[in-house]
């Protein structure tokens, strides 16, 4: 039996060979009706496109590199699933680079584009993994790239995230509305841009409420559960301890709640705890965690779609795309405790 090709698929589906090629390379450019018709023929015949042959003709690898500091963190699960799905639908494969925040590993995965092993980069870290000439426009020196969830400090890069300043401010404003004035913050590392933006939002909310800053109430964590425990311990050593704690991610919030409860404090009767991210099990811890919901799946979808546009040669303006956040109020926050 002769090997089936795109012309055979086109004849059976009653479309042009160019349309069949588009179904494999850029399905988002094809109508839903045509897409379904072609895929039905493909599935019936068991046809698989020759990716290697296509690569040789187009000089494209068919791969996208996703550089992620830590794939084990729950906050990344929804993002990874969304980019995988979007890439596969467009005929691309995702090469997942779990870098552990190591610069050498970030450069290794970024070099895959330079060496033709990948066509574009989804970057979910805060460091640009390329050497660049500061005297030249940055965008012209980079391959197709989208920076997701962690904004690199440049207006020349395509970025997708929530507005971290506004989101943090909204979280603290809520705690203020519940009567709290001794509000602590457990931040992320100082070299993380999103954490620094949340610090800014925290301080803006305090200033708007006429609450004087107390630097003892701002402690630096590492975005893991253990650092939440450690930072909570530090906060309890302050003579006039906080009545509420805003943690810059849910992992630290869960660690902080565990420590407070081990020390005999009731949440939220004695102290309120608020997180950030709304990871899958935030509502299932005890008490259920109030937090800032990030639309993680939507962030992933926006990132892959913006990168695919670049790979198709479409013009994608640089700058930030902010997706909406939501305050998820659950049982870990309440009114300020009455003075005993």
C-alpha atoms as a PDB file:
ATOM      1  CA  UNK A   1       0.000   0.000   0.000  1.00  0.00           C
ATOM      2  CA  UNK A   2       1.379   3.419  -0.960  1.00  0.00           C
ATOM      3  CA  UNK A   3       2.271   5.798   1.816  1.00  0.00           C
ATOM      4  CA  UNK A   4      -0.461   8.313   2.474  1.00  0.00           C
ATOM      5  CA  UNK A   5       0.394  11.975   2.224  1.00  0.00           C
ATOM      6  CA  UNK A   6      -1.156  15.389   2.727  1.00  0.00           C
ATOM      7  CA  UNK A   7      -2.644  15.372  -0.804  1.00  0.00           C
ATOM      8  CA  UNK A   8      -4.523  12.153   0.002  1.00  0.00           C
ATOM      9  CA  UNK A   9      -5.867  13.633   3.244  1.00  0.00           C
ATOM     10  CA  UNK A  10      -6.926  16.777   1.378  1.00  0.00           C
ATOM     11  CA  UNK A  11      -8.772  14.801  -1.278  1.00  0.00           C
ATOM     12  CA  UNK A  12     -10.700  12.721   1.249  1.00  0.00           C
ATOM     13  CA  UNK A  13     -11.530  15.752   3.422  1.00  0.00           C
ATOM     14  CA  UNK A  14     -12.391  17.816   0.304  1.00  0.00           C
ATOM     15  CA  UNK A  15     -10.057  20.672   1.236  1.00  0.00           C
ATOM     16  CA  UNK A  16      -6.807  21.996  -0.226  1.00  0.00           C
ATOM     17  CA  UNK A  17      -3.394  20.485   0.689  1.00  0.00           C
ATOM     18  CA  UNK A  18      -2.463  23.897   2.125  1.00  0.00           C
ATOM     19  CA  UNK A  19      -5.404  23.669   4.530  1.00  0.00           C
ATOM     20  CA  UNK A  20      -4.266  20.219   5.700  1.00  0.00           C
ATOM     21  CA  UNK A  21      -0.754  21.581   6.286  1.00  0.00           C
ATOM     22  CA  UNK A  22      -2.247  24.445   8.268  1.00  0.00           C
ATOM     23  CA  UNK A  23      -4.187  21.986  10.445  1.00  0.00           C
ATOM     24  CA  UNK A  24      -0.886  20.375  11.470  1.00  0.00           C
ATOM     25  CA  UNK A  25       1.191  23.548  11.821  1.00  0.00           C
ATOM     26  CA  UNK A  26      -1.252  26.295  12.897  1.00  0.00           C
ATOM     27  CA  UNK A  27      -4.637  24.781  13.831  1.00  0.00           C
ATOM     28  CA  UNK A  28      -5.780  28.024  15.441  1.00  0.00           C
ATOM     29  CA  UNK A  29      -5.906  29.554  11.950  1.00  0.00           C
ATOM     30  CA  UNK A  30      -8.397  26.933  10.722  1.00  0.00           C
ATOM     31  CA  UNK A  31     -12.155  27.038  11.302  1.00  0.00           C
ATOM     32  CA  UNK A  32     -13.589  24.596  13.814  1.00  0.00           C
ATOM     33  CA  UNK A  33     -15.662  22.898  11.085  1.00  0.00           C
ATOM     34  CA  UNK A  34     -12.678  22.371   8.769  1.00  0.00           C
ATOM     35  CA  UNK A  35     -10.454  21.288  11.662  1.00  0.00           C
ATOM     36  CA  UNK A  36     -12.977  18.629  12.682  1.00  0.00           C
ATOM     37  CA  UNK A  37     -13.364  17.400   9.084  1.00  0.00           C
ATOM     38  CA  UNK A  38      -9.632  16.993   8.501  1.00  0.00           C
ATOM     39  CA  UNK A  39      -8.959  15.429  11.889  1.00  0.00           C
ATOM     40  CA  UNK A  40     -11.739  12.900  11.300  1.00  0.00           C
ATOM     41  CA  UNK A  41     -10.030  11.721   8.104  1.00  0.00           C
ATOM     42  CA  UNK A  42      -6.627  11.687   9.800  1.00  0.00           C
ATOM     43  CA  UNK A  43      -7.947   9.606  12.698  1.00  0.00           C
ATOM     44  CA  UNK A  44      -9.722   7.150  10.402  1.00  0.00           C
ATOM     45  CA  UNK A  45      -6.572   6.575   8.349  1.00  0.00           C
ATOM     46  CA  UNK A  46      -4.201   6.602  11.315  1.00  0.00           C
ATOM     47  CA  UNK A  47      -2.033   9.159   9.522  1.00  0.00           C
ATOM     48  CA  UNK A  48       0.836  10.843  11.349  1.00  0.00           C
ATOM     49  CA  UNK A  49       2.640  13.846   9.799  1.00  0.00           C
ATOM     50  CA  UNK A  50       6.355  13.482   9.138  1.00  0.00           C
ATOM     51  CA  UNK A  51       7.622  16.000  11.665  1.00  0.00           C
ATOM     52  CA  UNK A  52      11.286  15.453  10.746  1.00  0.00           C
ATOM     53  CA  UNK A  53      10.649  16.101   7.068  1.00  0.00           C
ATOM     54  CA  UNK A  54       8.660  19.227   7.890  1.00  0.00           C
ATOM     55  CA  UNK A  55      11.479  20.433  10.120  1.00  0.00           C
ATOM     56  CA  UNK A  56      14.024  20.060   7.323  1.00  0.00           C
ATOM     57  CA  UNK A  57      11.851  22.098   4.951  1.00  0.00           C
ATOM     58  CA  UNK A  58      11.005  24.884   7.393  1.00  0.00           C
ATOM     59  CA  UNK A  59      14.171  24.788   9.519  1.00  0.00           C
ATOM     60  CA  UNK A  60      11.927  24.626  12.591  1.00  0.00           C
ATOM     61  CA  UNK A  61      12.424  22.176  15.444  1.00  0.00           C
ATOM     62  CA  UNK A  62       8.793  21.922  16.494  1.00  0.00           C
ATOM     63  CA  UNK A  63       9.874  22.399  20.120  1.00  0.00           C
ATOM     64  CA  UNK A  64       9.274  25.113  22.702  1.00  0.00           C
ATOM     65  CA  UNK A  65      11.398  25.427  25.836  1.00  0.00           C
ATOM     66  CA  UNK A  66       9.624  26.231  29.106  1.00  0.00           C
ATOM     67  CA  UNK A  67      12.091  27.432  31.745  1.00  0.00           C
ATOM     68  CA  UNK A  68      10.598  26.983  35.223  1.00  0.00           C
ATOM     69  CA  UNK A  69      12.511  27.480  38.510  1.00  0.00           C
ATOM     70  CA  UNK A  70      10.783  24.581  40.296  1.00  0.00           C
ATOM     71  CA  UNK A  71       8.238  22.294  38.645  1.00  0.00           C
ATOM     72  CA  UNK A  72       7.394  20.668  42.004  1.00  0.00           C
ATOM     73  CA  UNK A  73       5.711  23.808  43.337  1.00  0.00           C
ATOM     74  CA  UNK A  74       1.901  23.551  43.198  1.00  0.00           C
ATOM     75  CA  UNK A  75       1.646  27.063  41.746  1.00  0.00           C
ATOM     76  CA  UNK A  76       3.253  25.800  38.528  1.00  0.00           C
ATOM     77  CA  UNK A  77       0.950  22.810  37.938  1.00  0.00           C
ATOM     78  CA  UNK A  78      -1.883  24.714  36.240  1.00  0.00           C
ATOM     79  CA  UNK A  79       0.538  26.728  34.129  1.00  0.00           C
ATOM     80  CA  UNK A  80       2.394  23.634  32.897  1.00  0.00           C
ATOM     81  CA  UNK A  81      -0.817  21.842  31.972  1.00  0.00           C
ATOM     82  CA  UNK A  82      -2.071  24.863  30.005  1.00  0.00           C
ATOM     83  CA  UNK A  83       1.124  25.382  28.010  1.00  0.00           C
ATOM     84  CA  UNK A  84       1.384  21.664  27.226  1.00  0.00           C
ATOM     85  CA  UNK A  85      -2.153  21.613  25.864  1.00  0.00           C
ATOM     86  CA  UNK A  86      -1.736  24.807  23.848  1.00  0.00           C
ATOM     87  CA  UNK A  87       1.560  23.658  22.359  1.00  0.00           C
ATOM     88  CA  UNK A  88       0.245  20.228  21.382  1.00  0.00           C
ATOM     89  CA  UNK A  89      -2.813  21.735  19.728  1.00  0.00           C
ATOM     90  CA  UNK A  90      -0.471  23.819  17.576  1.00  0.00           C
ATOM     91  CA  UNK A  91       1.786  20.885  16.711  1.00  0.00           C
ATOM     92  CA  UNK A  92       4.595  21.754  19.113  1.00  0.00           C
ATOM     93  CA  UNK A  93       6.235  19.821  21.926  1.00  0.00           C
ATOM     94  CA  UNK A  94       7.194  21.385  25.261  1.00  0.00           C
ATOM     95  CA  UNK A  95      10.723  20.806  26.559  1.00  0.00           C
ATOM     96  CA  UNK A  96      10.383  21.376  30.294  1.00  0.00           C
ATOM     97  CA  UNK A  97      13.439  22.895  31.954  1.00  0.00           C
ATOM     98  CA  UNK A  98      13.344  22.513  35.752  1.00  0.00           C
ATOM     99  CA  UNK A  99      16.243  24.816  36.621  1.00  0.00           C
ATOM    100  CA  UNK A 100      15.962  25.073  40.432  1.00  0.00           C
ATOM    101  CA  UNK A 101      16.781  28.748  39.970  1.00  0.00           C
ATOM    102  CA  UNK A 102      20.353  27.912  38.850  1.00  0.00           C
ATOM    103  CA  UNK A 103      21.579  30.429  36.272  1.00  0.00           C
ATOM    104  CA  UNK A 104      23.803  27.900  34.476  1.00  0.00           C
ATOM    105  CA  UNK A 105      20.807  25.615  33.919  1.00  0.00           C
ATOM    106  CA  UNK A 106      18.688  28.517  32.694  1.00  0.00           C
ATOM    107  CA  UNK A 107      21.342  29.341  30.087  1.00  0.00           C
ATOM    108  CA  UNK A 108      21.578  25.672  29.091  1.00  0.00           C
ATOM    109  CA  UNK A 109      17.895  25.511  28.227  1.00  0.00           C
ATOM    110  CA  UNK A 110      17.929  28.933  26.571  1.00  0.00           C
ATOM    111  CA  UNK A 111      20.833  27.798  24.357  1.00  0.00           C
ATOM    112  CA  UNK A 112      18.551  25.146  22.874  1.00  0.00           C
ATOM    113  CA  UNK A 113      16.931  27.936  20.846  1.00  0.00           C
ATOM    114  CA  UNK A 114      20.307  29.321  19.800  1.00  0.00           C
ATOM    115  CA  UNK A 115      21.364  25.860  18.618  1.00  0.00           C
ATOM    116  CA  UNK A 116      18.136  25.219  16.705  1.00  0.00           C
ATOM    117  CA  UNK A 117      16.772  22.573  19.089  1.00  0.00           C
ATOM    118  CA  UNK A 118      13.786  24.771  19.987  1.00  0.00           C
ATOM    119  CA  UNK A 119      11.951  27.639  18.311  1.00  0.00           C
ATOM    120  CA  UNK A 120      10.910  29.801  21.262  1.00  0.00           C
ATOM    121  CA  UNK A 121      11.001  30.207  25.032  1.00  0.00           C
ATOM    122  CA  UNK A 122       8.404  30.433  27.779  1.00  0.00           C
ATOM    123  CA  UNK A 123      10.282  31.936  30.697  1.00  0.00           C
ATOM    124  CA  UNK A 124       8.755  31.672  34.177  1.00  0.00           C
ATOM    125  CA  UNK A 125      11.772  32.987  36.081  1.00  0.00           C
ATOM    126  CA  UNK A 126      12.929  36.498  36.883  1.00  0.00           C
ATOM    127  CA  UNK A 127      16.290  36.394  35.114  1.00  0.00           C
ATOM    128  CA  UNK A 128      16.937  36.751  31.392  1.00  0.00           C
ATOM    129  CA  UNK A 129      19.057  33.713  30.346  1.00  0.00           C
ATOM    130  CA  UNK A 130      20.964  35.502  27.579  1.00  0.00           C
ATOM    131  CA  UNK A 131      23.950  37.806  27.375  1.00  0.00           C
ATOM    132  CA  UNK A 132      22.736  41.032  25.808  1.00  0.00           C
ATOM    133  CA  UNK A 133      24.262  44.276  24.594  1.00  0.00           C
ATOM    134  CA  UNK A 134      22.786  47.106  26.671  1.00  0.00           C
ATOM    135  CA  UNK A 135      23.529  49.592  23.875  1.00  0.00           C
ATOM    136  CA  UNK A 136      21.136  47.848  21.475  1.00  0.00           C
ATOM    137  CA  UNK A 137      17.360  47.300  21.632  1.00  0.00           C
ATOM    138  CA  UNK A 138      16.732  44.242  23.789  1.00  0.00           C
ATOM    139  CA  UNK A 139      13.856  42.787  21.750  1.00  0.00           C
ATOM    140  CA  UNK A 140      16.045  42.566  18.634  1.00  0.00           C
ATOM    141  CA  UNK A 141      18.568  40.399  20.493  1.00  0.00           C
ATOM    142  CA  UNK A 142      16.091  37.812  21.741  1.00  0.00           C
ATOM    143  CA  UNK A 143      14.365  34.819  20.148  1.00  0.00           C
ATOM    144  CA  UNK A 144      10.562  34.538  20.360  1.00  0.00           C
ATOM    145  CA  UNK A 145      10.000  34.767  24.119  1.00  0.00           C
ATOM    146  CA  UNK A 146       7.230  35.304  26.656  1.00  0.00           C
ATOM    147  CA  UNK A 147       7.886  35.951  30.339  1.00  0.00           C
ATOM    148  CA  UNK A 148       5.109  34.523  32.501  1.00  0.00           C
ATOM    149  CA  UNK A 149       4.099  35.085  36.121  1.00  0.00           C
ATOM    150  CA  UNK A 150       7.423  36.646  37.110  1.00  0.00           C
ATOM    151  CA  UNK A 151       8.084  39.977  35.465  1.00  0.00           C
ATOM    152  CA  UNK A 152      11.621  40.700  34.294  1.00  0.00           C
ATOM    153  CA  UNK A 153      12.358  44.391  34.757  1.00  0.00           C
ATOM    154  CA  UNK A 154      12.087  45.427  31.104  1.00  0.00           C
ATOM    155  CA  UNK A 155       9.350  46.973  29.001  1.00  0.00           C
ATOM    156  CA  UNK A 156      10.814  45.354  25.857  1.00  0.00           C
ATOM    157  CA  UNK A 157       9.651  41.842  26.801  1.00  0.00           C
ATOM    158  CA  UNK A 158       6.212  40.292  26.360  1.00  0.00           C
ATOM    159  CA  UNK A 159       4.958  39.523  29.891  1.00  0.00           C
ATOM    160  CA  UNK A 160       1.868  37.919  31.442  1.00  0.00           C
ATOM    161  CA  UNK A 161       0.976  38.081  35.148  1.00  0.00           C
ATOM    162  CA  UNK A 162      -1.416  39.540  37.668  1.00  0.00           C
ATOM    163  CA  UNK A 163      -0.819  43.070  38.924  1.00  0.00           C
ATOM    164  CA  UNK A 164       1.138  42.101  42.041  1.00  0.00           C
ATOM    165  CA  UNK A 165       1.090  45.590  43.519  1.00  0.00           C
ATOM    166  CA  UNK A 166      -2.684  45.897  43.234  1.00  0.00           C
ATOM    167  CA  UNK A 167      -3.305  42.307  44.383  1.00  0.00           C
ATOM    168  CA  UNK A 168      -1.196  42.685  47.524  1.00  0.00           C
ATOM    169  CA  UNK A 169      -2.804  46.025  48.266  1.00  0.00           C
ATOM    170  CA  UNK A 170      -6.263  44.470  47.960  1.00  0.00           C
ATOM    171  CA  UNK A 171      -5.316  41.667  50.371  1.00  0.00           C
ATOM    172  CA  UNK A 172      -4.039  44.097  53.002  1.00  0.00           C
ATOM    173  CA  UNK A 173      -7.011  46.408  52.485  1.00  0.00           C
ATOM    174  CA  UNK A 174      -9.285  43.483  53.292  1.00  0.00           C
ATOM    175  CA  UNK A 175      -7.402  42.801  56.540  1.00  0.00           C
ATOM    176  CA  UNK A 176      -7.632  46.499  57.413  1.00  0.00           C
ATOM    177  CA  UNK A 177     -11.381  46.367  56.777  1.00  0.00           C
ATOM    178  CA  UNK A 178     -11.599  43.597  59.383  1.00  0.00           C
ATOM    179  CA  UNK A 179     -10.109  45.959  61.945  1.00  0.00           C
ATOM    180  CA  UNK A 180      -6.486  44.794  61.828  1.00  0.00           C
ATOM    181  CA  UNK A 181      -3.713  47.347  62.254  1.00  0.00           C
ATOM    182  CA  UNK A 182      -0.820  45.117  63.321  1.00  0.00           C
ATOM    183  CA  UNK A 183      -0.461  43.401  59.955  1.00  0.00           C
ATOM    184  CA  UNK A 184       2.710  41.451  59.257  1.00  0.00           C
ATOM    185  CA  UNK A 185       3.995  40.267  55.891  1.00  0.00           C
ATOM    186  CA  UNK A 186       6.033  37.151  55.098  1.00  0.00           C
ATOM    187  CA  UNK A 187       7.682  38.008  51.776  1.00  0.00           C
ATOM    188  CA  UNK A 188       9.547  36.068  49.133  1.00  0.00           C
ATOM    189  CA  UNK A 189      13.298  36.464  48.491  1.00  0.00           C
ATOM    190  CA  UNK A 190      14.470  40.020  47.867  1.00  0.00           C
ATOM    191  CA  UNK A 191      15.714  39.211  44.356  1.00  0.00           C
ATOM    192  CA  UNK A 192      12.253  38.158  43.141  1.00  0.00           C
ATOM    193  CA  UNK A 193      10.478  41.012  41.297  1.00  0.00           C
ATOM    194  CA  UNK A 194       6.946  39.801  42.097  1.00  0.00           C
ATOM    195  CA  UNK A 195       7.770  39.718  45.808  1.00  0.00           C
ATOM    196  CA  UNK A 196       9.135  43.256  45.699  1.00  0.00           C
ATOM    197  CA  UNK A 197       5.940  44.418  43.983  1.00  0.00           C
ATOM    198  CA  UNK A 198       3.845  42.766  46.700  1.00  0.00           C
ATOM    199  CA  UNK A 199       5.923  44.552  49.336  1.00  0.00           C
ATOM    200  CA  UNK A 200       5.097  47.801  47.567  1.00  0.00           C
ATOM    201  CA  UNK A 201       1.377  46.974  47.583  1.00  0.00           C
ATOM    202  CA  UNK A 202       1.565  46.036  51.272  1.00  0.00           C
ATOM    203  CA  UNK A 203       3.141  49.364  52.199  1.00  0.00           C
ATOM    204  CA  UNK A 204       0.755  51.359  50.008  1.00  0.00           C
ATOM    205  CA  UNK A 205      -2.225  49.785  51.773  1.00  0.00           C
ATOM    206  CA  UNK A 206      -0.778  50.571  55.208  1.00  0.00           C
ATOM    207  CA  UNK A 207      -0.082  54.153  54.178  1.00  0.00           C
ATOM    208  CA  UNK A 208      -3.595  54.627  52.801  1.00  0.00           C
ATOM    209  CA  UNK A 209      -4.999  53.339  56.103  1.00  0.00           C
ATOM    210  CA  UNK A 210      -2.798  55.680  58.153  1.00  0.00           C
ATOM    211  CA  UNK A 211      -0.909  52.757  59.706  1.00  0.00           C
ATOM    212  CA  UNK A 212       2.706  53.465  60.612  1.00  0.00           C
ATOM    213  CA  UNK A 213       5.296  51.051  59.269  1.00  0.00           C
ATOM    214  CA  UNK A 214       6.955  48.645  61.676  1.00  0.00           C
ATOM    215  CA  UNK A 215       9.918  46.982  59.967  1.00  0.00           C
ATOM    216  CA  UNK A 216       9.818  44.138  62.492  1.00  0.00           C
ATOM    217  CA  UNK A 217       6.555  43.012  60.887  1.00  0.00           C
ATOM    218  CA  UNK A 218       8.180  42.422  57.496  1.00  0.00           C
ATOM    219  CA  UNK A 219      10.101  39.114  57.418  1.00  0.00           C
ATOM    220  CA  UNK A 220      11.717  37.474  54.391  1.00  0.00           C
ATOM    221  CA  UNK A 221      10.835  33.905  53.512  1.00  0.00           C
ATOM    222  CA  UNK A 222      11.853  31.458  50.777  1.00  0.00           C
ATOM    223  CA  UNK A 223       8.456  30.591  49.285  1.00  0.00           C
ATOM    224  CA  UNK A 224       8.389  27.147  50.955  1.00  0.00           C
ATOM    225  CA  UNK A 225       6.439  25.708  53.904  1.00  0.00           C
ATOM    226  CA  UNK A 226       9.462  25.529  56.213  1.00  0.00           C
ATOM    227  CA  UNK A 227      10.235  29.228  55.784  1.00  0.00           C
ATOM    228  CA  UNK A 228       6.603  29.957  56.672  1.00  0.00           C
ATOM    229  CA  UNK A 229       7.181  28.124  59.956  1.00  0.00           C
ATOM    230  CA  UNK A 230      10.471  29.953  60.586  1.00  0.00           C
ATOM    231  CA  UNK A 231       9.025  33.391  59.816  1.00  0.00           C
ATOM    232  CA  UNK A 232       5.961  32.755  61.989  1.00  0.00           C
ATOM    233  CA  UNK A 233       8.288  31.902  64.861  1.00  0.00           C
ATOM    234  CA  UNK A 234      10.086  35.239  64.409  1.00  0.00           C
ATOM    235  CA  UNK A 235       6.810  37.139  64.418  1.00  0.00           C
ATOM    236  CA  UNK A 236       5.720  35.568  67.698  1.00  0.00           C
ATOM    237  CA  UNK A 237       8.911  36.838  69.343  1.00  0.00           C
ATOM    238  CA  UNK A 238       7.807  40.464  68.864  1.00  0.00           C
ATOM    239  CA  UNK A 239       6.431  41.963  72.083  1.00  0.00           C
ATOM    240  CA  UNK A 240       3.316  43.326  70.400  1.00  0.00           C
ATOM    241  CA  UNK A 241       2.696  40.485  67.974  1.00  0.00           C
ATOM    242  CA  UNK A 242       0.627  40.975  64.797  1.00  0.00           C
ATOM    243  CA  UNK A 243      -3.069  40.211  64.681  1.00  0.00           C
ATOM    244  CA  UNK A 244      -2.887  39.304  60.985  1.00  0.00           C
ATOM    245  CA  UNK A 245      -0.206  37.940  58.648  1.00  0.00           C
ATOM    246  CA  UNK A 246      -0.187  38.320  54.871  1.00  0.00           C
ATOM    247  CA  UNK A 247       2.003  35.614  53.307  1.00  0.00           C
ATOM    248  CA  UNK A 248       3.265  36.089  49.760  1.00  0.00           C
ATOM    249  CA  UNK A 249       2.429  32.519  48.769  1.00  0.00           C
ATOM    250  CA  UNK A 250       0.184  29.750  50.069  1.00  0.00           C
ATOM    251  CA  UNK A 251       3.042  27.393  50.990  1.00  0.00           C
ATOM    252  CA  UNK A 252       4.394  29.891  53.514  1.00  0.00           C
ATOM    253  CA  UNK A 253       0.884  30.658  54.754  1.00  0.00           C
ATOM    254  CA  UNK A 254       0.265  26.966  55.476  1.00  0.00           C
ATOM    255  CA  UNK A 255       3.598  26.722  57.306  1.00  0.00           C
ATOM    256  CA  UNK A 256       2.772  29.820  59.335  1.00  0.00           C
ATOM    257  CA  UNK A 257      -0.667  28.485  60.289  1.00  0.00           C
ATOM    258  CA  UNK A 258       0.854  25.215  61.426  1.00  0.00           C
ATOM    259  CA  UNK A 259       3.312  27.008  63.717  1.00  0.00           C
ATOM    260  CA  UNK A 260       0.714  29.355  65.169  1.00  0.00           C
ATOM    261  CA  UNK A 261      -1.548  26.419  65.962  1.00  0.00           C
ATOM    262  CA  UNK A 262       1.312  24.459  67.529  1.00  0.00           C
ATOM    263  CA  UNK A 263       1.902  27.450  69.807  1.00  0.00           C
ATOM    264  CA  UNK A 264      -1.710  27.326  70.967  1.00  0.00           C
ATOM    265  CA  UNK A 265      -3.103  30.160  68.862  1.00  0.00           C
ATOM    266  CA  UNK A 266      -6.523  29.797  67.275  1.00  0.00           C
ATOM    267  CA  UNK A 267      -6.966  30.872  63.666  1.00  0.00           C
ATOM    268  CA  UNK A 268      -8.615  33.327  63.054  1.00  0.00           C
ATOM    269  CA  UNK A 269      -9.747  33.997  66.649  1.00  0.00           C
ATOM    270  CA  UNK A 270      -6.225  34.920  67.814  1.00  0.00           C
ATOM    271  CA  UNK A 271      -4.492  35.647  64.516  1.00  0.00           C
ATOM    272  CA  UNK A 272      -5.586  35.838  60.875  1.00  0.00           C
ATOM    273  CA  UNK A 273      -3.536  34.393  58.016  1.00  0.00           C
ATOM    274  CA  UNK A 274      -3.827  35.293  54.331  1.00  0.00           C
ATOM    275  CA  UNK A 275      -1.974  33.657  51.443  1.00  0.00           C
ATOM    276  CA  UNK A 276      -1.343  34.286  47.759  1.00  0.00           C
ATOM    277  CA  UNK A 277      -1.838  31.994  44.701  1.00  0.00           C
ATOM    278  CA  UNK A 278      -4.850  29.827  45.664  1.00  0.00           C
ATOM    279  CA  UNK A 279      -3.112  26.505  45.038  1.00  0.00           C
ATOM    280  CA  UNK A 280      -5.286  23.394  44.694  1.00  0.00           C
ATOM    281  CA  UNK A 281      -5.381  22.425  48.361  1.00  0.00           C
ATOM    282  CA  UNK A 282      -5.643  25.923  49.870  1.00  0.00           C
ATOM    283  CA  UNK A 283      -9.333  25.422  50.618  1.00  0.00           C
ATOM    284  CA  UNK A 284      -8.749  21.968  52.130  1.00  0.00           C
ATOM    285  CA  UNK A 285      -6.273  22.828  54.895  1.00  0.00           C
ATOM    286  CA  UNK A 286      -7.662  23.522  58.353  1.00  0.00           C
ATOM    287  CA  UNK A 287      -8.849  26.201  58.608  1.00  0.00           C
ATOM    288  CA  UNK A 288      -9.388  26.779  54.898  1.00  0.00           C
ATOM    289  CA  UNK A 289      -6.984  29.435  53.671  1.00  0.00           C
ATOM    290  CA  UNK A 290      -8.036  32.924  52.621  1.00  0.00           C
ATOM    291  CA  UNK A 291      -5.825  33.864  49.703  1.00  0.00           C
ATOM    292  CA  UNK A 292      -5.365  35.848  46.496  1.00  0.00           C
ATOM    293  CA  UNK A 293      -6.424  33.719  43.540  1.00  0.00           C
ATOM    294  CA  UNK A 294      -4.121  33.854  40.536  1.00  0.00           C
ATOM    295  CA  UNK A 295      -5.692  32.533  37.303  1.00  0.00           C
ATOM    296  CA  UNK A 296      -2.771  30.159  36.741  1.00  0.00           C
ATOM    297  CA  UNK A 297      -4.289  28.186  33.878  1.00  0.00           C
ATOM    298  CA  UNK A 298      -5.257  31.396  32.091  1.00  0.00           C
ATOM    299  CA  UNK A 299      -1.737  32.749  32.588  1.00  0.00           C
ATOM    300  CA  UNK A 300      -0.354  29.607  30.953  1.00  0.00           C
ATOM    301  CA  UNK A 301      -2.841  29.856  28.080  1.00  0.00           C
ATOM    302  CA  UNK A 302      -2.005  33.516  27.462  1.00  0.00           C
ATOM    303  CA  UNK A 303       1.734  32.786  27.501  1.00  0.00           C
ATOM    304  CA  UNK A 304       1.595  29.962  24.955  1.00  0.00           C
ATOM    305  CA  UNK A 305      -0.810  31.857  22.688  1.00  0.00           C
ATOM    306  CA  UNK A 306       1.400  34.955  22.646  1.00  0.00           C
ATOM    307  CA  UNK A 307       4.458  32.833  21.878  1.00  0.00           C
ATOM    308  CA  UNK A 308       2.667  30.970  19.075  1.00  0.00           C
ATOM    309  CA  UNK A 309       1.758  34.313  17.511  1.00  0.00           C
ATOM    310  CA  UNK A 310       5.436  35.263  17.497  1.00  0.00           C
ATOM    311  CA  UNK A 311       6.377  31.909  15.969  1.00  0.00           C
ATOM    312  CA  UNK A 312       3.865  32.533  13.168  1.00  0.00           C
ATOM    313  CA  UNK A 313       5.572  35.842  12.461  1.00  0.00           C
ATOM    314  CA  UNK A 314       2.797  38.012  13.882  1.00  0.00           C
ATOM    315  CA  UNK A 315       3.624  41.298  15.588  1.00  0.00           C
ATOM    316  CA  UNK A 316       3.196  41.022  19.362  1.00  0.00           C
ATOM    317  CA  UNK A 317       3.700  44.307  21.246  1.00  0.00           C
ATOM    318  CA  UNK A 318       6.048  44.161  24.234  1.00  0.00           C
ATOM    319  CA  UNK A 319       4.912  45.003  27.752  1.00  0.00           C
ATOM    320  CA  UNK A 320       2.752  43.463  30.467  1.00  0.00           C
ATOM    321  CA  UNK A 321      -0.628  41.801  30.101  1.00  0.00           C
ATOM    322  CA  UNK A 322      -2.345  41.771  33.502  1.00  0.00           C
ATOM    323  CA  UNK A 323      -4.932  39.083  34.165  1.00  0.00           C
ATOM    324  CA  UNK A 324      -7.544  39.535  36.928  1.00  0.00           C
ATOM    325  CA  UNK A 325      -6.920  38.347  40.497  1.00  0.00           C
ATOM    326  CA  UNK A 326      -9.641  37.499  43.037  1.00  0.00           C
ATOM    327  CA  UNK A 327      -9.706  37.576  46.838  1.00  0.00           C
ATOM    328  CA  UNK A 328     -10.825  34.166  48.079  1.00  0.00           C
ATOM    329  CA  UNK A 329     -12.086  34.749  51.622  1.00  0.00           C
ATOM    330  CA  UNK A 330     -12.257  31.544  53.652  1.00  0.00           C
ATOM    331  CA  UNK A 331     -11.868  30.596  57.312  1.00  0.00           C
ATOM    332  CA  UNK A 332      -8.286  31.619  58.111  1.00  0.00           C
ATOM    333  CA  UNK A 333      -9.151  35.329  58.357  1.00  0.00           C
ATOM    334  CA  UNK A 334     -11.574  37.182  60.580  1.00  0.00           C
ATOM    335  CA  UNK A 335     -12.114  40.328  62.611  1.00  0.00           C
ATOM    336  CA  UNK A 336      -9.344  41.662  64.798  1.00  0.00           C
ATOM    337  CA  UNK A 337      -9.222  39.863  68.181  1.00  0.00           C
ATOM    338  CA  UNK A 338     -10.635  41.724  71.145  1.00  0.00           C
ATOM    339  CA  UNK A 339      -8.002  42.888  73.595  1.00  0.00           C
ATOM    340  CA  UNK A 340      -7.853  40.670  76.661  1.00  0.00           C
END
